[in-house]
Amino acid sequence: MPKSSTGRLQRRCALTDCPLLSPLIVTLQLDAASQDYFDALRTAYFPPAINHLKAHMTLFHNLPGGEQQAVLETLAREAARRAPFPLIVAGLMKLGRGTAFRLESEALLSLRAALAAAFGPWLTQQDREKFRPHVTVQNKVSPAQAGALFDHLSQGFSPFEAVAEGLQLWRYQGGPWAPLAAVGFQGGAR
């Protein structure tokens, strides 16, 4: 991939002046039933004033906005190589001031590693950290509220299967995200 030229441009214009340079976010597209389940929990437990998004599993938090076409081409190439694959919703995670569901899948780890290699020069420190796949249903609450929800959701929890169906590309807009593309996995049968 070519070197990003967006660093120079971002120093010359504010986010509101150059919206096409605002960061890109890549998420995993989940099957409809799992998405609905996580969305319902997020709606119920995420503070409404700051809940601008549906539930999501973030793969990359901050790719350069000026590289949208290259990012999309990479996502399409990887999606073409893969079939939809199962994810195990294995348990809950404490986030300090929130609660999330922990996901497990070797196929997901392989996909994330392939994308990270392709996006290597563009990765921020956050995206270079150890990948901990999860879906956040609550955040930015008191530790006591987070602990109470963790305990509540843990009662009677049994691991279940979700399905990864593709990749989604978003543009960060200072809170909300604008959808740019969804690329379904197109490889052979699961």
Protein backbone atom coordinates (compact mmCIF):
# COMPACT_ATOMS: atom_id res chain seq x y z
CA MET A 1 0.00 0.00 0.00
CA PRO A 2 1.18 3.52 -0.68
CA LYS A 3 2.26 5.77 2.12
CA SER A 4 -0.54 7.86 3.56
CA SER A 5 -0.50 11.51 2.60
CA THR A 6 -3.35 12.36 4.95
CA GLY A 7 -1.13 13.35 7.88
CA ARG A 8 0.01 16.48 6.04
CA LEU A 9 -3.50 17.31 4.91
CA GLN A 10 -5.05 16.77 8.33
CA ARG A 11 -2.67 19.34 9.80
CA ARG A 12 -3.93 21.90 7.27
CA CYS A 13 -7.68 21.50 7.77
CA ALA A 14 -10.05 20.91 10.63
CA LEU A 15 -12.37 17.90 10.71
CA THR A 16 -15.36 20.10 9.81
CA ASP A 17 -13.49 21.67 6.86
CA CYS A 18 -12.29 18.35 5.38
CA PRO A 19 -14.82 15.67 6.35
CA LEU A 20 -13.36 13.20 3.85
CA LEU A 21 -10.18 13.08 5.92
CA SER A 22 -11.92 12.08 9.14
CA PRO A 23 -10.90 8.58 10.30
CA LEU A 24 -12.24 5.33 8.93
CA ILE A 25 -13.51 2.52 11.16
CA VAL A 26 -13.80 -1.15 10.19
CA THR A 27 -16.30 -3.43 11.93
CA LEU A 28 -17.41 -7.03 11.59
CA GLN A 29 -20.90 -7.53 10.19
CA LEU A 30 -22.88 -9.97 12.35
CA ASP A 31 -25.91 -12.08 11.47
CA ALA A 32 -29.26 -10.30 11.96
CA ALA A 33 -30.38 -12.25 15.05
CA SER A 34 -27.12 -11.60 16.92
CA GLN A 35 -27.09 -7.96 15.84
CA ASP A 36 -30.65 -7.51 17.10
CA TYR A 37 -29.77 -9.14 20.44
CA PHE A 38 -26.75 -6.90 21.03
CA ASP A 39 -28.61 -3.80 19.79
CA ALA A 40 -31.44 -4.39 22.27
CA LEU A 41 -28.97 -4.65 25.15
CA ARG A 42 -27.05 -1.57 24.02
CA THR A 43 -30.29 0.42 23.74
CA ALA A 44 -31.29 -0.69 27.23
CA TYR A 45 -27.96 -0.11 29.00
CA PHE A 46 -25.82 2.42 27.12
CA PRO A 47 -26.35 6.05 28.27
CA PRO A 48 -28.88 7.39 25.72
CA ALA A 49 -27.30 10.85 25.43
CA ILE A 50 -24.09 9.37 24.01
CA ASN A 51 -25.42 6.25 22.30
CA HIS A 52 -24.94 7.31 18.67
CA LEU A 53 -24.29 3.79 17.35
CA LYS A 54 -25.71 0.32 17.11
CA ALA A 55 -23.79 -2.50 18.77
CA HIS A 56 -20.64 -3.38 16.82
CA MET A 57 -17.43 -5.42 16.86
CA THR A 58 -14.62 -3.05 15.91
CA LEU A 59 -11.68 -4.44 13.97
CA PHE A 60 -9.90 -1.08 13.40
CA HIS A 61 -10.64 2.22 15.13
CA ASN A 62 -8.74 4.83 13.14
CA LEU A 63 -7.56 4.27 9.59
CA PRO A 64 -6.64 7.34 7.49
CA GLY A 65 -9.70 8.93 5.92
CA GLY A 66 -7.85 9.89 2.77
CA GLU A 67 -7.19 6.21 2.04
CA GLN A 68 -10.84 5.17 1.73
CA GLN A 69 -10.46 3.55 -1.70
CA ALA A 70 -7.39 1.52 -0.72
CA VAL A 71 -9.04 0.41 2.54
CA LEU A 72 -12.21 -0.62 0.70
CA GLU A 73 -10.22 -2.56 -1.92
CA THR A 74 -8.40 -4.43 0.85
CA LEU A 75 -11.68 -5.26 2.62
CA ALA A 76 -13.22 -6.50 -0.63
CA ARG A 77 -10.18 -8.66 -1.39
CA GLU A 78 -10.23 -10.27 2.07
CA ALA A 79 -14.02 -10.73 2.01
CA ALA A 80 -13.82 -12.50 -1.34
CA ARG A 81 -11.44 -15.08 0.19
CA ARG A 82 -13.64 -15.96 3.16
CA ALA A 83 -16.98 -17.61 3.76
CA PRO A 84 -19.22 -16.52 6.63
CA PHE A 85 -17.85 -18.09 9.81
CA PRO A 86 -19.05 -18.88 13.33
CA LEU A 87 -18.12 -16.85 16.38
CA ILE A 88 -18.57 -18.07 19.92
CA VAL A 89 -20.05 -15.48 22.25
CA ALA A 90 -18.02 -16.94 25.09
CA GLY A 91 -18.75 -14.72 28.06
CA LEU A 92 -18.84 -11.23 29.43
CA MET A 93 -16.01 -8.73 29.86
CA LYS A 94 -15.63 -5.97 32.40
CA LEU A 95 -14.52 -2.73 30.77
CA GLY A 96 -14.10 -0.77 33.99
CA ARG A 97 -16.89 1.68 33.16
CA GLY A 98 -18.84 -0.69 30.93
CA THR A 99 -19.73 -4.25 29.95
CA ALA A 100 -19.14 -6.23 26.76
CA PHE A 101 -19.55 -9.71 25.34
CA ARG A 102 -16.31 -11.53 24.54
CA LEU A 103 -16.07 -13.23 21.15
CA GLU A 104 -13.86 -16.19 20.22
CA SER A 105 -12.99 -17.43 16.75
CA GLU A 106 -9.78 -18.57 15.10
CA ALA A 107 -11.18 -17.40 11.76
CA LEU A 108 -11.74 -13.93 13.23
CA LEU A 109 -8.18 -13.79 14.57
CA SER A 110 -6.85 -14.86 11.17
CA LEU A 111 -8.92 -12.22 9.37
CA ARG A 112 -7.84 -9.48 11.78
CA ALA A 113 -4.17 -10.46 11.39
CA ALA A 114 -4.40 -10.39 7.58
CA LEU A 115 -6.03 -6.96 7.63
CA ALA A 116 -3.55 -5.64 10.19
CA ALA A 117 -0.68 -6.75 7.96
CA ALA A 118 -2.24 -4.96 4.99
CA PHE A 119 -2.92 -1.79 6.98
CA GLY A 120 0.35 -1.96 8.94
CA PRO A 121 1.80 1.48 8.15
CA TRP A 122 -1.52 3.13 8.92
CA LEU A 123 -2.27 1.51 12.29
CA THR A 124 -2.52 3.75 15.33
CA GLN A 125 -1.25 2.63 18.73
CA GLN A 126 -4.79 1.55 19.69
CA ASP A 127 -5.03 -0.69 16.62
CA ARG A 128 -1.57 -2.15 17.27
CA GLU A 129 -2.54 -3.31 20.77
CA LYS A 130 -3.57 -6.89 21.46
CA PHE A 131 -6.86 -7.61 19.72
CA ARG A 132 -9.63 -8.47 22.18
CA PRO A 133 -12.78 -9.12 20.13
CA HIS A 134 -15.92 -7.96 21.90
CA VAL A 135 -19.27 -6.23 21.49
CA THR A 136 -19.83 -3.40 23.96
CA VAL A 137 -23.38 -3.05 25.28
CA GLN A 138 -22.61 -0.51 28.01
CA ASN A 139 -19.89 2.11 28.49
CA LYS A 140 -19.18 5.43 30.19
CA VAL A 141 -21.17 4.60 33.32
CA SER A 142 -19.98 4.36 36.93
CA PRO A 143 -17.95 1.29 37.88
CA ALA A 144 -20.80 0.30 40.21
CA GLN A 145 -23.36 0.41 37.37
CA ALA A 146 -21.02 -1.54 35.12
CA GLY A 147 -20.44 -4.16 37.81
CA ALA A 148 -24.16 -4.52 38.41
CA LEU A 149 -24.86 -5.11 34.71
CA PHE A 150 -21.96 -7.54 34.43
CA ASP A 151 -23.38 -9.53 37.36
CA HIS A 152 -26.92 -9.36 35.96
CA LEU A 153 -25.95 -10.54 32.47
CA SER A 154 -23.61 -13.22 33.86
CA GLN A 155 -26.46 -14.90 35.75
CA GLY A 156 -27.55 -17.83 33.66
CA PHE A 157 -25.35 -16.86 30.71
CA SER A 158 -24.54 -19.71 28.35
CA PRO A 159 -22.15 -19.32 25.43
CA PHE A 160 -23.87 -19.13 22.07
CA GLU A 161 -22.96 -18.90 18.40
CA ALA A 162 -23.13 -15.83 16.20
CA VAL A 163 -22.09 -15.64 12.56
CA ALA A 164 -19.65 -13.22 10.98
CA GLU A 165 -21.16 -12.31 7.61
CA GLY A 166 -18.85 -9.58 6.32
CA LEU A 167 -17.01 -6.33 6.89
CA GLN A 168 -18.34 -2.80 7.30
CA LEU A 169 -16.57 0.49 6.63
CA TRP A 170 -17.56 3.68 8.44
CA ARG A 171 -16.40 7.28 8.63
CA TYR A 172 -16.09 8.84 12.07
CA GLN A 173 -18.10 12.05 12.42
CA GLY A 174 -17.24 13.31 15.90
CA GLY A 175 -19.61 10.88 17.66
CA PRO A 176 -21.87 9.26 15.08
CA TRP A 177 -20.42 7.13 12.29
CA ALA A 178 -21.46 7.42 8.65
CA PRO A 179 -21.79 4.08 6.83
CA LEU A 180 -19.64 3.87 3.71
CA ALA A 181 -19.76 0.22 2.63
CA ALA A 182 -20.65 -3.31 3.65
CA VAL A 183 -18.81 -6.18 1.99
CA GLY A 184 -20.19 -9.67 2.55
CA PHE A 185 -17.95 -12.71 2.85
CA GLN A 186 -18.10 -14.44 -0.52
CA GLY A 187 -15.88 -17.50 -0.19
CA GLY A 188 -17.02 -21.14 -0.15
CA ALA A 189 -19.55 -22.70 2.23
CA ARG A 190 -18.97 -22.62 5.97
